[in-house]
N, C-alpha and C. Protein backbone atom coordinates (compact mmCIF):
# COMPACT_ATOMS: atom_id res chain seq x y z
N MET A 1 -16.63 -9.85 -3.44
CA MET A 1 -15.24 -9.86 -2.69
C MET A 1 -14.64 -8.65 -3.63
N SER A 2 -13.96 -7.92 -2.96
CA SER A 2 -13.16 -7.01 -3.76
C SER A 2 -11.78 -7.50 -4.23
N ASP A 3 -11.04 -6.92 -5.13
CA ASP A 3 -9.63 -7.49 -5.46
C ASP A 3 -8.66 -7.58 -4.14
N LEU A 4 -8.77 -6.64 -3.55
CA LEU A 4 -7.86 -6.76 -2.04
C LEU A 4 -8.18 -8.13 -1.35
N GLN A 5 -9.50 -8.22 -0.97
CA GLN A 5 -9.84 -9.14 -0.25
C GLN A 5 -9.56 -10.54 -1.00
N ARG A 6 -9.64 -10.60 -2.23
CA ARG A 6 -9.35 -11.72 -2.94
C ARG A 6 -7.88 -12.08 -2.85
N TYR A 7 -7.16 -10.99 -3.12
CA TYR A 7 -5.71 -11.18 -2.78
C TYR A 7 -5.17 -11.42 -1.52
N ILE A 8 -5.76 -11.09 -0.34
CA ILE A 8 -5.59 -11.49 0.73
C ILE A 8 -5.95 -12.70 1.05
N LYS A 9 -6.89 -13.37 0.94
CA LYS A 9 -7.39 -14.73 0.80
C LYS A 9 -6.45 -15.69 0.08
N GLU A 10 -6.09 -15.40 -0.99
CA GLU A 10 -5.22 -16.17 -1.80
C GLU A 10 -3.75 -16.22 -1.24
N ARG A 11 -3.53 -15.13 -0.86
CA ARG A 11 -2.03 -15.05 -0.17
C ARG A 11 -2.09 -15.81 1.29
N LYS A 12 -3.12 -15.85 2.04
CA LYS A 12 -3.20 -16.52 3.24
C LYS A 12 -2.97 -17.77 2.80
N GLU A 13 -3.72 -18.46 1.68
CA GLU A 13 -3.70 -19.82 1.64
C GLU A 13 -2.36 -20.30 1.00
N ARG A 14 -1.48 -19.48 0.52
CA ARG A 14 -0.08 -19.93 -0.25
C ARG A 14 1.07 -19.92 0.75
N ASP A 15 0.82 -18.88 1.86
CA ASP A 15 1.84 -18.18 2.28
C ASP A 15 1.44 -18.54 4.03
N ALA A 16 2.18 -19.43 4.67
CA ALA A 16 1.67 -19.50 6.15
C ALA A 16 2.31 -18.36 6.90
N GLU A 17 3.37 -18.12 6.70
CA GLU A 17 3.99 -16.96 7.52
C GLU A 17 3.17 -15.59 7.47
N PHE A 18 2.74 -15.45 6.10
CA PHE A 18 1.77 -14.25 5.89
C PHE A 18 0.41 -14.33 6.86
N ALA A 19 -0.27 -15.65 6.79
CA ALA A 19 -1.44 -15.82 7.35
C ALA A 19 -1.26 -15.69 8.93
N ASP A 20 -0.18 -16.15 9.51
CA ASP A 20 -0.14 -16.12 10.86
C ASP A 20 0.17 -14.62 11.19
N GLY A 21 0.78 -13.92 10.56
CA GLY A 21 0.79 -12.35 10.89
C GLY A 21 -0.29 -11.50 10.16
N TYR A 22 -0.94 -11.91 9.61
CA TYR A 22 -1.85 -11.02 9.11
C TYR A 22 -3.05 -10.43 10.00
N ASP A 23 -3.58 -11.29 10.78
CA ASP A 23 -4.20 -10.93 11.72
C ASP A 23 -3.83 -9.72 12.72
N GLU A 24 -2.65 -9.85 13.25
CA GLU A 24 -2.15 -9.01 13.87
C GLU A 24 -1.54 -7.85 13.33
N GLY A 25 -1.40 -7.69 12.05
CA GLY A 25 -0.69 -6.52 11.32
C GLY A 25 -1.62 -6.10 10.04
N GLY A 26 -2.76 -6.84 9.90
CA GLY A 26 -3.88 -6.73 8.94
C GLY A 26 -4.01 -5.51 8.29
N ALA A 27 -4.35 -4.64 9.25
CA ALA A 27 -4.65 -3.14 8.90
C ALA A 27 -3.49 -2.25 8.32
N LEU A 28 -2.40 -2.69 8.75
CA LEU A 28 -1.10 -2.10 8.31
C LEU A 28 -0.76 -2.65 6.97
N PHE A 29 -1.12 -3.99 6.67
CA PHE A 29 -0.90 -4.51 5.48
C PHE A 29 -1.78 -3.86 4.39
N THR A 30 -3.09 -3.79 4.71
CA THR A 30 -4.15 -3.34 3.85
C THR A 30 -3.73 -2.01 3.51
N ILE A 31 -3.00 -1.00 4.26
CA ILE A 31 -2.86 0.10 3.92
C ILE A 31 -1.91 0.01 2.57
N GLY A 32 -0.59 -0.75 3.05
CA GLY A 32 -0.01 -0.81 1.82
C GLY A 32 -0.34 -1.53 0.73
N ALA A 33 -1.29 -2.42 0.80
CA ALA A 33 -1.63 -3.12 -0.42
C ALA A 33 -2.82 -1.97 -1.12
N MET A 34 -3.47 -1.34 -0.54
CA MET A 34 -4.15 -0.22 -1.07
C MET A 34 -3.44 0.94 -1.84
N LEU A 35 -2.33 1.18 -1.18
CA LEU A 35 -1.22 2.05 -1.83
C LEU A 35 -0.89 1.45 -3.39
N ARG A 36 -0.66 0.23 -3.12
CA ARG A 36 0.04 -0.68 -4.37
C ARG A 36 -1.09 -0.61 -5.49
N GLN A 37 -2.32 -0.89 -5.01
CA GLN A 37 -3.35 -1.20 -5.73
C GLN A 37 -3.76 0.15 -6.72
N ALA A 38 -3.68 1.30 -6.02
CA ALA A 38 -4.03 2.45 -6.32
C ALA A 38 -3.15 2.69 -7.29
N ARG A 39 -1.74 2.74 -7.08
CA ARG A 39 -0.64 2.96 -8.22
C ARG A 39 -0.67 2.11 -9.33
N GLN A 40 -1.07 0.87 -9.16
CA GLN A 40 -1.04 -0.10 -10.32
C GLN A 40 -2.45 0.18 -11.08
N SER A 41 -3.41 0.79 -10.48
CA SER A 41 -4.77 0.98 -11.32
C SER A 41 -4.43 2.51 -11.93
N GLU A 42 -3.47 3.23 -11.82
CA GLU A 42 -3.17 4.47 -12.24
C GLU A 42 -2.31 3.94 -13.51
N GLY A 43 -1.72 2.89 -13.63
CA GLY A 43 -0.84 2.44 -14.72
C GLY A 43 0.69 2.95 -14.38
N MET A 44 0.69 3.15 -13.01
CA MET A 44 2.15 3.89 -12.67
C MET A 44 3.11 2.81 -12.06
N THR A 45 4.30 2.92 -12.58
CA THR A 45 5.33 1.87 -11.82
C THR A 45 5.86 2.45 -10.48
N GLN A 46 6.57 1.69 -9.69
CA GLN A 46 7.18 2.44 -8.59
C GLN A 46 8.28 3.37 -9.15
N GLU A 47 8.88 3.49 -10.14
CA GLU A 47 10.02 4.10 -10.80
C GLU A 47 9.35 5.28 -11.02
N ALA A 48 8.42 5.15 -11.64
CA ALA A 48 7.50 6.50 -12.23
C ALA A 48 7.05 7.49 -10.94
N LEU A 49 6.44 6.63 -9.85
CA LEU A 49 5.95 7.25 -8.79
C LEU A 49 7.25 8.00 -7.85
N ALA A 50 8.27 7.25 -7.81
CA ALA A 50 9.27 7.81 -7.32
C ALA A 50 10.01 8.96 -7.80
N THR A 51 10.09 9.06 -9.28
CA THR A 51 10.38 10.31 -9.97
C THR A 51 9.49 11.38 -9.58
N GLN A 52 8.27 11.03 -9.73
CA GLN A 52 7.23 12.08 -9.38
C GLN A 52 7.42 12.77 -8.02
N LEU A 53 7.59 11.82 -7.04
CA LEU A 53 7.73 12.27 -5.56
C LEU A 53 9.31 12.57 -5.23
N GLN A 54 9.98 12.62 -6.27
CA GLN A 54 11.55 12.94 -6.08
C GLN A 54 12.15 12.20 -4.85
N THR A 55 11.93 10.76 -4.91
CA THR A 55 12.51 9.96 -4.12
C THR A 55 12.97 8.91 -4.57
N SER A 56 13.19 7.58 -3.95
CA SER A 56 13.83 6.32 -4.36
C SER A 56 12.87 5.34 -4.76
N VAL A 57 12.99 4.40 -5.53
CA VAL A 57 12.11 3.10 -5.67
C VAL A 57 12.12 2.37 -4.17
N ALA A 58 13.30 2.27 -3.75
CA ALA A 58 13.29 1.90 -2.36
C ALA A 58 12.31 2.29 -1.30
N LYS A 59 12.25 3.63 -1.04
CA LYS A 59 11.21 4.15 -0.47
C LYS A 59 9.79 3.80 -0.81
N ILE A 60 9.49 3.86 -2.01
CA ILE A 60 8.17 3.59 -2.49
C ILE A 60 7.90 2.16 -2.12
N SER A 61 8.75 1.23 -2.22
CA SER A 61 8.61 -0.09 -1.74
C SER A 61 8.41 -0.29 -0.43
N HIS A 62 9.09 0.37 0.43
CA HIS A 62 9.18 0.62 1.91
C HIS A 62 7.71 1.00 2.04
N ILE A 63 7.09 2.04 1.57
CA ILE A 63 5.93 2.37 1.80
C ILE A 63 4.91 1.53 1.63
N GLU A 64 4.93 0.86 0.51
CA GLU A 64 3.83 -0.40 0.00
C GLU A 64 4.11 -1.32 1.00
N ASN A 65 5.09 -1.78 1.68
CA ASN A 65 5.28 -3.13 2.11
C ASN A 65 5.55 -3.06 3.75
N HIS A 66 5.70 -1.77 4.02
CA HIS A 66 5.64 -1.51 5.56
C HIS A 66 5.03 -0.29 6.04
N ALA A 67 3.95 -0.17 5.79
CA ALA A 67 3.13 1.04 6.22
C ALA A 67 2.97 1.20 7.41
N ASP A 68 3.68 0.37 8.27
CA ASP A 68 3.51 0.60 9.52
C ASP A 68 4.30 1.82 9.92
N ASP A 69 5.15 2.46 9.24
CA ASP A 69 5.85 3.63 9.93
C ASP A 69 5.90 4.69 8.67
N VAL A 70 4.86 5.15 8.25
CA VAL A 70 4.88 6.31 7.34
C VAL A 70 3.88 7.12 7.74
N LYS A 71 4.50 8.41 7.80
CA LYS A 71 3.69 9.63 8.35
C LYS A 71 2.57 9.80 7.31
N LEU A 72 1.61 10.42 7.94
CA LEU A 72 0.41 10.72 7.14
C LEU A 72 0.62 11.89 5.95
N SER A 73 1.56 12.72 6.03
CA SER A 73 2.05 13.61 5.18
C SER A 73 2.41 12.96 3.90
N VAL A 74 3.48 11.79 3.92
CA VAL A 74 3.93 10.82 2.95
C VAL A 74 2.56 10.35 2.34
N LEU A 75 1.91 9.83 3.07
CA LEU A 75 0.74 9.13 2.45
C LEU A 75 -0.12 10.23 1.78
N SER A 76 -0.18 11.28 2.35
CA SER A 76 -0.93 12.40 1.30
C SER A 76 -0.17 12.71 0.10
N GLN A 77 0.93 12.89 0.21
CA GLN A 77 1.74 13.22 -1.19
C GLN A 77 1.68 11.73 -2.08
N TYR A 78 1.81 10.77 -1.71
CA TYR A 78 1.71 9.68 -2.27
C TYR A 78 0.04 9.46 -3.38
N ALA A 79 -1.10 9.80 -2.58
CA ALA A 79 -2.16 9.96 -3.13
C ALA A 79 -2.08 10.94 -3.95
N SER A 80 -1.73 12.21 -3.81
CA SER A 80 -1.75 13.20 -4.60
C SER A 80 -1.24 13.05 -6.12
N ALA A 81 0.14 12.48 -5.78
CA ALA A 81 0.78 12.07 -6.99
C ALA A 81 0.02 11.18 -7.85
N LEU A 82 -0.87 10.40 -7.42
CA LEU A 82 -1.60 9.53 -8.25
C LEU A 82 -3.20 10.19 -8.53
N GLY A 83 -3.15 11.55 -8.25
CA GLY A 83 -4.45 12.31 -8.51
C GLY A 83 -5.61 11.83 -7.46
N LYS A 84 -5.33 11.50 -6.43
CA LYS A 84 -6.22 11.02 -5.36
C LYS A 84 -6.22 11.74 -4.21
N THR A 85 -6.99 11.66 -3.24
CA THR A 85 -6.69 12.27 -1.94
C THR A 85 -6.90 11.11 -0.81
N LEU A 86 -6.32 11.58 0.20
CA LEU A 86 -6.42 10.69 1.47
C LEU A 86 -7.10 11.08 2.42
N GLU A 87 -8.10 9.93 2.86
CA GLU A 87 -8.92 10.03 3.78
C GLU A 87 -8.83 9.18 5.03
N VAL A 88 -8.77 9.88 6.12
CA VAL A 88 -8.63 9.08 7.35
C VAL A 88 -9.79 8.97 8.13
N GLN A 89 -10.31 7.97 8.62
CA GLN A 89 -11.50 7.67 9.63
C GLN A 89 -11.01 7.07 11.00
N ILE A 90 -11.71 7.32 11.96
CA ILE A 90 -11.79 6.64 13.14
C ILE A 90 -12.91 5.96 13.42
N ARG A 91 -12.95 4.83 13.73
CA ARG A 91 -14.50 4.40 13.63
C ARG A 91 -14.65 3.57 15.39
């Protein structure tokens, strides 16, 4: 089980509202969680990332917590700032 899967499982167990909405919005939550996890694995704070992207901490928080309304160009910039690349797949 990945760290992300473990986090989702634990969060569902302790937060009924999250569990109810997860299946409907799970993919969007997963994007935000992956972004947050990537940032944290690079040891970068939201503040540091916001500075690098020349944006606000509120915008970084919004991207990580509400990934349903984020353009691919913003996701690509986010990934690039972490030294990563963005890959999109249709299955």
